[in-house]
Amino acid sequence: MVMSKIETFYFADGEDSGEAIFKAFASKHAHLFEDDCDALGSENKLEYTAVYNEFCQVFEQHIERKFYVRLTLSRHYRFMRRFSRTVLQCSKRGARS
């Protein structure tokens, strides 16, 4: 389910989609890469690490922002469900006494 939501985020339309964010990021850093760059066949430049770390941070922030509310509500729901079961069990025990 989470992967489906991430896929929807990435392929959505608009400037806040993952694809649009990726394209803007790639355009911003394109000047650092040669046209014939072979990431697997040659040693990477040190500056690529900084770009990669920035890329991870940008996408993680967007994904966290998109899913934070949903995860928080889900945790809240699970807590309330456990709490109500506990209260119900305690009230049943009290009624038996």
N, C-alpha and C. Protein backbone atom coordinates (compact mmCIF):
# COMPACT_ATOMS: atom_id res chain seq x y z
N MET A 1 0.82 -1.19 0.00
CA MET A 1 0.00 0.00 0.00
C MET A 1 0.87 1.26 0.00
N VAL A 2 1.94 1.24 0.80
CA VAL A 2 2.83 2.40 0.85
C VAL A 2 3.49 2.62 -0.50
N MET A 3 3.96 1.54 -1.13
CA MET A 3 4.61 1.69 -2.43
C MET A 3 3.64 2.23 -3.47
N SER A 4 2.39 1.85 -3.38
CA SER A 4 1.37 2.37 -4.29
C SER A 4 1.22 3.88 -4.11
N LYS A 5 1.22 4.33 -2.86
CA LYS A 5 1.09 5.77 -2.57
C LYS A 5 2.32 6.53 -3.08
N ILE A 6 3.50 5.94 -2.91
CA ILE A 6 4.72 6.59 -3.39
C ILE A 6 4.71 6.66 -4.92
N GLU A 7 4.26 5.61 -5.55
CA GLU A 7 4.15 5.59 -7.01
C GLU A 7 3.18 6.67 -7.49
N THR A 8 2.06 6.80 -6.81
CA THR A 8 1.08 7.84 -7.15
C THR A 8 1.69 9.22 -6.99
N PHE A 9 2.44 9.44 -5.90
CA PHE A 9 3.12 10.71 -5.67
C PHE A 9 4.09 11.00 -6.82
N TYR A 10 4.86 10.00 -7.21
CA TYR A 10 5.88 10.23 -8.23
C TYR A 10 5.28 10.55 -9.59
N PHE A 11 4.26 9.80 -9.99
CA PHE A 11 3.71 9.95 -11.34
C PHE A 11 2.53 10.91 -11.43
N ALA A 12 2.18 11.59 -10.36
CA ALA A 12 1.07 12.55 -10.39
C ALA A 12 1.41 13.73 -11.30
N ASP A 13 0.40 14.47 -11.65
CA ASP A 13 0.60 15.68 -12.45
C ASP A 13 0.83 16.86 -11.52
N GLY A 14 1.52 17.85 -12.01
CA GLY A 14 1.71 19.07 -11.24
C GLY A 14 3.14 19.25 -10.77
N GLU A 15 3.41 20.44 -10.28
CA GLU A 15 4.77 20.78 -9.87
C GLU A 15 5.18 20.15 -8.55
N ASP A 16 4.24 19.58 -7.82
CA ASP A 16 4.55 18.94 -6.55
C ASP A 16 4.68 17.42 -6.69
N SER A 17 4.65 16.93 -7.93
CA SER A 17 4.80 15.48 -8.14
C SER A 17 6.27 15.10 -8.01
N GLY A 18 6.50 13.86 -7.74
CA GLY A 18 7.87 13.36 -7.62
C GLY A 18 8.64 13.53 -8.92
N GLU A 19 7.99 13.28 -10.03
CA GLU A 19 8.66 13.42 -11.32
C GLU A 19 9.08 14.87 -11.58
N ALA A 20 8.21 15.82 -11.28
CA ALA A 20 8.55 17.24 -11.48
C ALA A 20 9.68 17.67 -10.54
N ILE A 21 9.64 17.19 -9.32
CA ILE A 21 10.70 17.51 -8.36
C ILE A 21 12.02 16.93 -8.84
N PHE A 22 11.99 15.67 -9.32
CA PHE A 22 13.19 15.03 -9.83
C PHE A 22 13.75 15.79 -11.03
N LYS A 23 12.90 16.18 -11.97
CA LYS A 23 13.36 16.90 -13.17
C LYS A 23 13.99 18.23 -12.80
N ALA A 24 13.37 18.94 -11.86
CA ALA A 24 13.94 20.23 -11.41
C ALA A 24 15.29 20.01 -10.74
N PHE A 25 15.38 18.97 -9.93
CA PHE A 25 16.64 18.66 -9.25
C PHE A 25 17.71 18.29 -10.28
N ALA A 26 17.35 17.45 -11.24
CA ALA A 26 18.30 17.03 -12.27
C ALA A 26 18.78 18.22 -13.09
N SER A 27 17.89 19.12 -13.44
CA SER A 27 18.27 20.31 -14.21
C SER A 27 19.23 21.19 -13.42
N LYS A 28 18.99 21.31 -12.14
CA LYS A 28 19.83 22.13 -11.27
C LYS A 28 21.27 21.60 -11.21
N HIS A 29 21.43 20.27 -11.27
CA HIS A 29 22.75 19.67 -11.09
C HIS A 29 23.33 19.06 -12.36
N ALA A 30 22.68 19.23 -13.50
CA ALA A 30 23.12 18.60 -14.75
C ALA A 30 24.53 19.02 -15.14
N HIS A 31 24.91 20.25 -14.81
CA HIS A 31 26.23 20.75 -15.21
C HIS A 31 27.38 19.98 -14.56
N LEU A 32 27.13 19.24 -13.52
CA LEU A 32 28.18 18.48 -12.83
C LEU A 32 28.53 17.16 -13.53
N PHE A 33 27.68 16.71 -14.42
CA PHE A 33 27.83 15.40 -15.04
C PHE A 33 28.20 15.53 -16.51
N GLU A 34 29.14 14.68 -16.95
CA GLU A 34 29.50 14.65 -18.37
C GLU A 34 28.41 13.90 -19.13
N ASP A 35 28.29 14.21 -20.41
CA ASP A 35 27.28 13.54 -21.24
C ASP A 35 27.52 12.05 -21.34
N ASP A 36 28.78 11.64 -21.35
CA ASP A 36 29.10 10.22 -21.49
C ASP A 36 29.43 9.56 -20.15
N CYS A 37 28.87 10.11 -19.08
CA CYS A 37 29.13 9.60 -17.72
C CYS A 37 28.67 8.14 -17.61
N ASP A 38 29.56 7.29 -17.10
CA ASP A 38 29.25 5.88 -16.88
C ASP A 38 29.34 5.62 -15.38
N ALA A 39 28.22 5.71 -14.69
CA ALA A 39 28.21 5.60 -13.23
C ALA A 39 28.71 4.25 -12.74
N LEU A 40 28.50 3.20 -13.51
CA LEU A 40 28.91 1.87 -13.08
C LEU A 40 30.33 1.52 -13.54
N GLY A 41 30.77 2.09 -14.65
CA GLY A 41 32.04 1.71 -15.24
C GLY A 41 33.22 2.58 -14.83
N SER A 42 32.98 3.68 -14.19
CA SER A 42 34.09 4.56 -13.79
C SER A 42 33.91 5.01 -12.35
N GLU A 43 34.98 5.55 -11.82
CA GLU A 43 34.93 6.04 -10.44
C GLU A 43 34.15 7.35 -10.39
N ASN A 44 33.29 7.47 -9.42
CA ASN A 44 32.47 8.68 -9.30
C ASN A 44 33.27 9.81 -8.67
N LYS A 45 32.93 11.02 -9.06
CA LYS A 45 33.56 12.20 -8.48
C LYS A 45 33.03 12.41 -7.07
N LEU A 46 33.83 13.02 -6.23
CA LEU A 46 33.45 13.29 -4.85
C LEU A 46 32.21 14.18 -4.78
N GLU A 47 32.07 15.12 -5.70
CA GLU A 47 30.91 16.03 -5.68
C GLU A 47 29.60 15.29 -5.96
N TYR A 48 29.66 14.11 -6.56
CA TYR A 48 28.45 13.32 -6.78
C TYR A 48 27.82 12.88 -5.46
N THR A 49 28.66 12.64 -4.46
CA THR A 49 28.16 12.22 -3.15
C THR A 49 27.30 13.32 -2.53
N ALA A 50 27.74 14.55 -2.63
CA ALA A 50 26.97 15.67 -2.09
C ALA A 50 25.63 15.81 -2.83
N VAL A 51 25.65 15.62 -4.15
CA VAL A 51 24.42 15.71 -4.93
C VAL A 51 23.48 14.57 -4.54
N TYR A 52 24.02 13.37 -4.39
CA TYR A 52 23.21 12.22 -3.99
C TYR A 52 22.58 12.45 -2.62
N ASN A 53 23.37 12.94 -1.67
CA ASN A 53 22.84 13.21 -0.32
C ASN A 53 21.75 14.26 -0.35
N GLU A 54 21.93 15.30 -1.15
CA GLU A 54 20.89 16.33 -1.29
C GLU A 54 19.63 15.73 -1.92
N PHE A 55 19.81 14.90 -2.94
CA PHE A 55 18.69 14.23 -3.59
C PHE A 55 17.88 13.41 -2.58
N CYS A 56 18.58 12.62 -1.78
CA CYS A 56 17.90 11.80 -0.76
C CYS A 56 17.14 12.68 0.22
N GLN A 57 17.75 13.75 0.64
CA GLN A 57 17.10 14.65 1.59
C GLN A 57 15.85 15.29 1.00
N VAL A 58 15.93 15.75 -0.24
CA VAL A 58 14.78 16.38 -0.90
C VAL A 58 13.62 15.39 -1.00
N PHE A 59 13.90 14.18 -1.49
CA PHE A 59 12.81 13.22 -1.67
C PHE A 59 12.28 12.71 -0.34
N GLU A 60 13.16 12.48 0.62
CA GLU A 60 12.69 12.02 1.93
C GLU A 60 11.78 13.05 2.57
N GLN A 61 12.12 14.33 2.46
CA GLN A 61 11.27 15.38 3.03
C GLN A 61 9.89 15.38 2.38
N HIS A 62 9.84 15.25 1.06
CA HIS A 62 8.55 15.24 0.37
C HIS A 62 7.73 14.02 0.75
N ILE A 63 8.36 12.88 0.79
CA ILE A 63 7.64 11.65 1.12
C ILE A 63 7.18 11.69 2.57
N GLU A 64 8.05 12.15 3.48
CA GLU A 64 7.65 12.25 4.88
C GLU A 64 6.47 13.21 5.04
N ARG A 65 6.52 14.34 4.35
CA ARG A 65 5.43 15.32 4.44
C ARG A 65 4.13 14.73 3.91
N LYS A 66 4.21 14.00 2.82
CA LYS A 66 3.01 13.42 2.22
C LYS A 66 2.38 12.36 3.12
N PHE A 67 3.21 11.59 3.80
CA PHE A 67 2.71 10.45 4.55
C PHE A 67 2.66 10.66 6.05
N TYR A 68 3.19 11.76 6.56
CA TYR A 68 3.21 11.99 8.00
C TYR A 68 1.81 12.02 8.59
N VAL A 69 0.92 12.77 7.97
CA VAL A 69 -0.45 12.88 8.49
C VAL A 69 -1.12 11.52 8.48
N ARG A 70 -0.97 10.78 7.40
CA ARG A 70 -1.60 9.46 7.30
C ARG A 70 -1.04 8.52 8.37
N LEU A 71 0.28 8.51 8.58
CA LEU A 71 0.88 7.64 9.58
C LEU A 71 0.47 8.04 10.99
N THR A 72 0.41 9.35 11.23
CA THR A 72 0.01 9.83 12.55
C THR A 72 -1.42 9.42 12.85
N LEU A 73 -2.31 9.60 11.88
CA LEU A 73 -3.70 9.21 12.09
C LEU A 73 -3.82 7.70 12.30
N SER A 74 -3.04 6.94 11.57
CA SER A 74 -3.07 5.49 11.70
C SER A 74 -2.61 5.07 13.10
N ARG A 75 -1.54 5.67 13.58
CA ARG A 75 -1.05 5.36 14.93
C ARG A 75 -2.08 5.78 15.98
N HIS A 76 -2.68 6.94 15.79
CA HIS A 76 -3.69 7.44 16.72
C HIS A 76 -4.88 6.48 16.75
N TYR A 77 -5.30 6.02 15.60
CA TYR A 77 -6.43 5.08 15.51
C TYR A 77 -6.09 3.78 16.25
N ARG A 78 -4.90 3.24 16.02
CA ARG A 78 -4.51 1.99 16.71
C ARG A 78 -4.48 2.19 18.22
N PHE A 79 -3.94 3.34 18.67
CA PHE A 79 -3.90 3.63 20.10
C PHE A 79 -5.31 3.69 20.68
N MET A 80 -6.19 4.42 20.00
CA MET A 80 -7.56 4.57 20.51
C MET A 80 -8.30 3.23 20.53
N ARG A 81 -8.04 2.40 19.55
CA ARG A 81 -8.68 1.09 19.50
C ARG A 81 -8.20 0.23 20.69
N ARG A 82 -6.89 0.23 20.95
CA ARG A 82 -6.36 -0.52 22.10
C ARG A 82 -6.87 0.05 23.41
N PHE A 83 -6.92 1.38 23.49
CA PHE A 83 -7.38 2.04 24.71
C PHE A 83 -8.84 1.69 24.99
N SER A 84 -9.68 1.74 23.96
CA SER A 84 -11.10 1.44 24.16
C SER A 84 -11.30 -0.03 24.54
N ARG A 85 -10.49 -0.95 23.97
CA ARG A 85 -10.58 -2.36 24.37
C ARG A 85 -10.21 -2.53 25.83
N THR A 86 -9.17 -1.82 26.26
CA THR A 86 -8.73 -1.92 27.66
C THR A 86 -9.80 -1.39 28.59
N VAL A 87 -10.39 -0.25 28.25
CA VAL A 87 -11.45 0.32 29.07
C VAL A 87 -12.64 -0.63 29.13
N LEU A 88 -12.99 -1.22 28.01
CA LEU A 88 -14.10 -2.16 27.96
C LEU A 88 -13.82 -3.39 28.83
N GLN A 89 -12.60 -3.92 28.75
CA GLN A 89 -12.24 -5.09 29.55
C GLN A 89 -12.29 -4.75 31.04
N CYS A 90 -11.79 -3.56 31.39
CA CYS A 90 -11.80 -3.15 32.80
C CYS A 90 -13.23 -2.96 33.30
N SER A 91 -14.09 -2.41 32.46
CA SER A 91 -15.48 -2.19 32.89
C SER A 91 -16.21 -3.53 33.02
N LYS A 92 -15.88 -4.51 32.19
CA LYS A 92 -16.49 -5.84 32.32
C LYS A 92 -16.04 -6.51 33.61
N ARG A 93 -14.76 -6.36 33.92
CA ARG A 93 -14.25 -6.95 35.17
C ARG A 93 -14.92 -6.29 36.38
N GLY A 94 -15.11 -4.97 36.30
CA GLY A 94 -15.74 -4.24 37.39
C GLY A 94 -17.21 -4.64 37.56
N ALA A 95 -17.87 -4.94 36.47
CA ALA A 95 -19.29 -5.33 36.52
C ALA A 95 -19.44 -6.73 37.11
N ARG A 96 -18.42 -7.58 36.95
CA ARG A 96 -18.48 -8.95 37.50
C ARG A 96 -18.26 -8.95 39.01
N SER A 97 -17.54 -7.96 39.51
CA SER A 97 -17.21 -7.96 40.95
C SER A 97 -18.37 -7.63 41.82
